[in-house]
Amino acid sequence: QVQLVESGGGLVQPGGSLRLSCAASGSIVSINAMGWYRQAPGKQRELVAGFTSGGSTNYADSVKGRFTASRDIGKNTVYLQMNSLKPEDTAVYYCNADIRSSIWDTRYYELWGQGTLVTVSS
């Protein structure tokens, strides 16, 4: 069974940094796209950073210049380096991926990780 496991969340002061990781494990034939979303209390889940199948990276306007997404294709892992964190970045951060897990099935299935809490507070 394929799963996404995030790590790296925690409590940080405003202006601080955190690095999130998300590893896909299990039976994986290929991954079409991976990305990071977040959901703050009382708000809808929103895209933070995403890798497209074409290889480009999209960022939410609110994090441009502060967050950097990267990936290790060989390890099926993506990272989110978050710098200059603000209280409004407080949220549960989720990893998302479209994964093909069988050579007999060409479909990609969307998976979500369990989420990791990031709290920015003094």
C-alpha atoms as a PDB file:
ATOM      1  CA  GLN A   1       0.000   0.000   0.000  1.00  0.00           C
ATOM      2  CA  VAL A   2       1.324   3.407  -0.944  1.00  0.00           C
ATOM      3  CA  GLN A   3       1.461   6.119   1.659  1.00  0.00           C
ATOM      4  CA  LEU A   4       2.820   9.626   2.124  1.00  0.00           C
ATOM      5  CA  VAL A   5       4.520  10.449   5.387  1.00  0.00           C
ATOM      6  CA  GLU A   6       5.304  14.037   6.376  1.00  0.00           C
ATOM      7  CA  SER A   7       7.723  15.193   9.028  1.00  0.00           C
ATOM      8  CA  GLY A   8       9.393  18.355  10.236  1.00  0.00           C
ATOM      9  CA  GLY A   9       6.572  20.413  11.670  1.00  0.00           C
ATOM     10  CA  GLY A  10       6.706  22.131  15.029  1.00  0.00           C
ATOM     11  CA  LEU A  11       6.683  25.410  16.901  1.00  0.00           C
ATOM     12  CA  VAL A  12       8.845  28.252  15.634  1.00  0.00           C
ATOM     13  CA  GLN A  13       9.092  31.944  16.383  1.00  0.00           C
ATOM     14  CA  PRO A  14       8.203  34.554  13.773  1.00  0.00           C
ATOM     15  CA  GLY A  15      11.109  35.021  11.389  1.00  0.00           C
ATOM     16  CA  GLY A  16      12.322  31.491  11.977  1.00  0.00           C
ATOM     17  CA  SER A  17      12.695  28.560   9.618  1.00  0.00           C
ATOM     18  CA  LEU A  18      11.457  25.003   9.303  1.00  0.00           C
ATOM     19  CA  ARG A  19      11.994  22.261   6.765  1.00  0.00           C
ATOM     20  CA  LEU A  20       9.245  19.789   5.979  1.00  0.00           C
ATOM     21  CA  SER A  21       9.775  16.431   4.328  1.00  0.00           C
ATOM     22  CA  CYS A  22       7.338  14.108   2.609  1.00  0.00           C
ATOM     23  CA  ALA A  23       8.305  10.612   1.544  1.00  0.00           C
ATOM     24  CA  ALA A  24       6.212   8.330  -0.617  1.00  0.00           C
ATOM     25  CA  SER A  25       6.611   4.657   0.184  1.00  0.00           C
ATOM     26  CA  GLY A  26       5.154   1.362  -0.957  1.00  0.00           C
ATOM     27  CA  SER A  27       4.540   0.015  -4.411  1.00  0.00           C
ATOM     28  CA  ILE A  28       5.253   2.954  -6.710  1.00  0.00           C
ATOM     29  CA  VAL A  29       5.526   2.747 -10.482  1.00  0.00           C
ATOM     30  CA  SER A  30       5.616   6.475 -11.075  1.00  0.00           C
ATOM     31  CA  ILE A  31       4.586   9.799  -9.571  1.00  0.00           C
ATOM     32  CA  ASN A  32       2.905  12.369 -11.771  1.00  0.00           C
ATOM     33  CA  ALA A  33       2.989  15.337  -9.435  1.00  0.00           C
ATOM     34  CA  MET A  34       3.691  16.144  -5.810  1.00  0.00           C
ATOM     35  CA  GLY A  35       2.991  19.197  -3.784  1.00  0.00           C
ATOM     36  CA  TRP A  36       2.357  20.879  -0.463  1.00  0.00           C
ATOM     37  CA  TYR A  37      -0.945  22.233   0.786  1.00  0.00           C
ATOM     38  CA  ARG A  38      -1.925  23.790   4.068  1.00  0.00           C
ATOM     39  CA  GLN A  39      -5.079  24.332   6.039  1.00  0.00           C
ATOM     40  CA  ALA A  40      -5.330  26.951   8.736  1.00  0.00           C
ATOM     41  CA  PRO A  41      -8.073  26.822  11.387  1.00  0.00           C
ATOM     42  CA  GLY A  42     -11.389  27.879   9.899  1.00  0.00           C
ATOM     43  CA  LYS A  43      -9.989  28.152   6.378  1.00  0.00           C
ATOM     44  CA  GLN A  44     -10.017  26.019   3.271  1.00  0.00           C
ATOM     45  CA  ARG A  45      -7.050  23.931   2.251  1.00  0.00           C
ATOM     46  CA  GLU A  46      -4.820  25.838  -0.167  1.00  0.00           C
ATOM     47  CA  LEU A  47      -1.883  25.053  -2.412  1.00  0.00           C
ATOM     48  CA  VAL A  48       1.456  26.187  -1.023  1.00  0.00           C
ATOM     49  CA  ALA A  49       3.869  24.757  -3.589  1.00  0.00           C
ATOM     50  CA  GLY A  50       3.489  22.170  -6.282  1.00  0.00           C
ATOM     51  CA  PHE A  51       5.624  20.342  -8.817  1.00  0.00           C
ATOM     52  CA  THR A  52       3.867  19.811 -12.111  1.00  0.00           C
ATOM     53  CA  SER A  53       4.368  16.828 -14.390  1.00  0.00           C
ATOM     54  CA  GLY A  54       6.209  19.205 -16.706  1.00  0.00           C
ATOM     55  CA  GLY A  55       8.819  19.892 -14.054  1.00  0.00           C
ATOM     56  CA  SER A  56       7.892  23.431 -13.070  1.00  0.00           C
ATOM     57  CA  THR A  57       7.135  24.587  -9.537  1.00  0.00           C
ATOM     58  CA  ASN A  58       4.181  26.769  -8.588  1.00  0.00           C
ATOM     59  CA  TYR A  59       3.976  28.779  -5.370  1.00  0.00           C
ATOM     60  CA  ALA A  60       1.172  30.565  -3.616  1.00  0.00           C
ATOM     61  CA  ASP A  61       1.680  34.332  -3.776  1.00  0.00           C
ATOM     62  CA  SER A  62       1.753  34.487   0.011  1.00  0.00           C
ATOM     63  CA  VAL A  63       4.888  32.325   0.227  1.00  0.00           C
ATOM     64  CA  LYS A  64       6.862  33.409  -2.829  1.00  0.00           C
ATOM     65  CA  GLY A  65      10.368  34.445  -1.901  1.00  0.00           C
ATOM     66  CA  ARG A  66      10.120  32.775   1.525  1.00  0.00           C
ATOM     67  CA  PHE A  67       9.377  29.115   0.795  1.00  0.00           C
ATOM     68  CA  THR A  68      11.326  26.811  -1.493  1.00  0.00           C
ATOM     69  CA  ALA A  69      10.123  23.408  -2.608  1.00  0.00           C
ATOM     70  CA  SER A  70      12.562  20.763  -3.775  1.00  0.00           C
ATOM     71  CA  ARG A  71      12.492  17.080  -4.522  1.00  0.00           C
ATOM     72  CA  ASP A  72      14.638  13.983  -4.635  1.00  0.00           C
ATOM     73  CA  ILE A  73      13.106  11.914  -7.415  1.00  0.00           C
ATOM     74  CA  GLY A  74      15.184   8.846  -6.595  1.00  0.00           C
ATOM     75  CA  LYS A  75      13.877   8.851  -3.034  1.00  0.00           C
ATOM     76  CA  ASN A  76      10.290   9.796  -3.949  1.00  0.00           C
ATOM     77  CA  THR A  77      10.630  12.634  -1.476  1.00  0.00           C
ATOM     78  CA  VAL A  78       9.756  16.307  -1.562  1.00  0.00           C
ATOM     79  CA  TYR A  79      10.834  19.032   0.804  1.00  0.00           C
ATOM     80  CA  LEU A  80       9.536  22.431   1.777  1.00  0.00           C
ATOM     81  CA  GLN A  81      12.050  24.892   3.158  1.00  0.00           C
ATOM     82  CA  MET A  82      10.161  27.633   4.960  1.00  0.00           C
ATOM     83  CA  ASN A  83      12.024  30.806   5.880  1.00  0.00           C
ATOM     84  CA  SER A  84      10.920  34.115   7.378  1.00  0.00           C
ATOM     85  CA  LEU A  85       7.895  32.411   8.861  1.00  0.00           C
ATOM     86  CA  LYS A  86       4.924  34.522   9.885  1.00  0.00           C
ATOM     87  CA  PRO A  87       2.085  33.815  12.319  1.00  0.00           C
ATOM     88  CA  GLU A  88      -0.263  33.557   9.327  1.00  0.00           C
ATOM     89  CA  ASP A  89       1.748  30.563   8.112  1.00  0.00           C
ATOM     90  CA  THR A  90       0.382  28.599  11.059  1.00  0.00           C
ATOM     91  CA  ALA A  91      -1.490  25.621   9.641  1.00  0.00           C
ATOM     92  CA  VAL A  92      -1.482  21.891   9.137  1.00  0.00           C
ATOM     93  CA  TYR A  93       0.699  21.187   6.117  1.00  0.00           C
ATOM     94  CA  TYR A  94      -0.222  18.284   3.883  1.00  0.00           C
ATOM     95  CA  CYS A  95       1.704  16.464   1.206  1.00  0.00           C
ATOM     96  CA  ASN A  96      -0.191  15.499  -1.942  1.00  0.00           C
ATOM     97  CA  ALA A  97       0.769  13.259  -4.846  1.00  0.00           C
ATOM     98  CA  ASP A  98      -0.674  11.549  -7.899  1.00  0.00           C
ATOM     99  CA  ILE A  99       0.760   8.043  -7.869  1.00  0.00           C
ATOM    100  CA  ARG A 100       0.623   5.054 -10.127  1.00  0.00           C
ATOM    101  CA  SER A 101       1.156   1.917  -8.061  1.00  0.00           C
ATOM    102  CA  SER A 102       0.663  -0.925 -10.537  1.00  0.00           C
ATOM    103  CA  ILE A 103       2.168  -1.810 -13.898  1.00  0.00           C
ATOM    104  CA  TRP A 104      -1.203  -3.370 -14.783  1.00  0.00           C
ATOM    105  CA  ASP A 105      -3.152  -0.202 -14.084  1.00  0.00           C
ATOM    106  CA  THR A 106      -2.198   2.991 -15.932  1.00  0.00           C
ATOM    107  CA  ARG A 107      -4.332   5.225 -13.728  1.00  0.00           C
ATOM    108  CA  TYR A 108      -2.901   7.655 -11.200  1.00  0.00           C
ATOM    109  CA  TYR A 109      -4.519   7.961  -7.812  1.00  0.00           C
ATOM    110  CA  GLU A 110      -4.398  11.021  -5.603  1.00  0.00           C
ATOM    111  CA  LEU A 111      -2.964  10.508  -2.130  1.00  0.00           C
ATOM    112  CA  TRP A 112      -2.718  12.769   0.913  1.00  0.00           C
ATOM    113  CA  GLY A 113      -0.391  12.533   3.850  1.00  0.00           C
ATOM    114  CA  GLN A 114      -1.595  12.719   7.435  1.00  0.00           C
ATOM    115  CA  GLY A 115      -0.452  16.305   7.834  1.00  0.00           C
ATOM    116  CA  THR A 116       2.106  17.996  10.052  1.00  0.00           C
ATOM    117  CA  LEU A 117       1.343  21.003  12.238  1.00  0.00           C
ATOM    118  CA  VAL A 118       3.376  24.176  11.869  1.00  0.00           C
ATOM    119  CA  THR A 119       2.839  26.808  14.537  1.00  0.00           C
ATOM    120  CA  VAL A 120       4.464  30.222  14.228  1.00  0.00           C
ATOM    121  CA  SER A 121       4.217  32.096  17.496  1.00  0.00           C
ATOM    122  CA  SER A 122       6.306  34.038  19.947  1.00  0.00           C
END
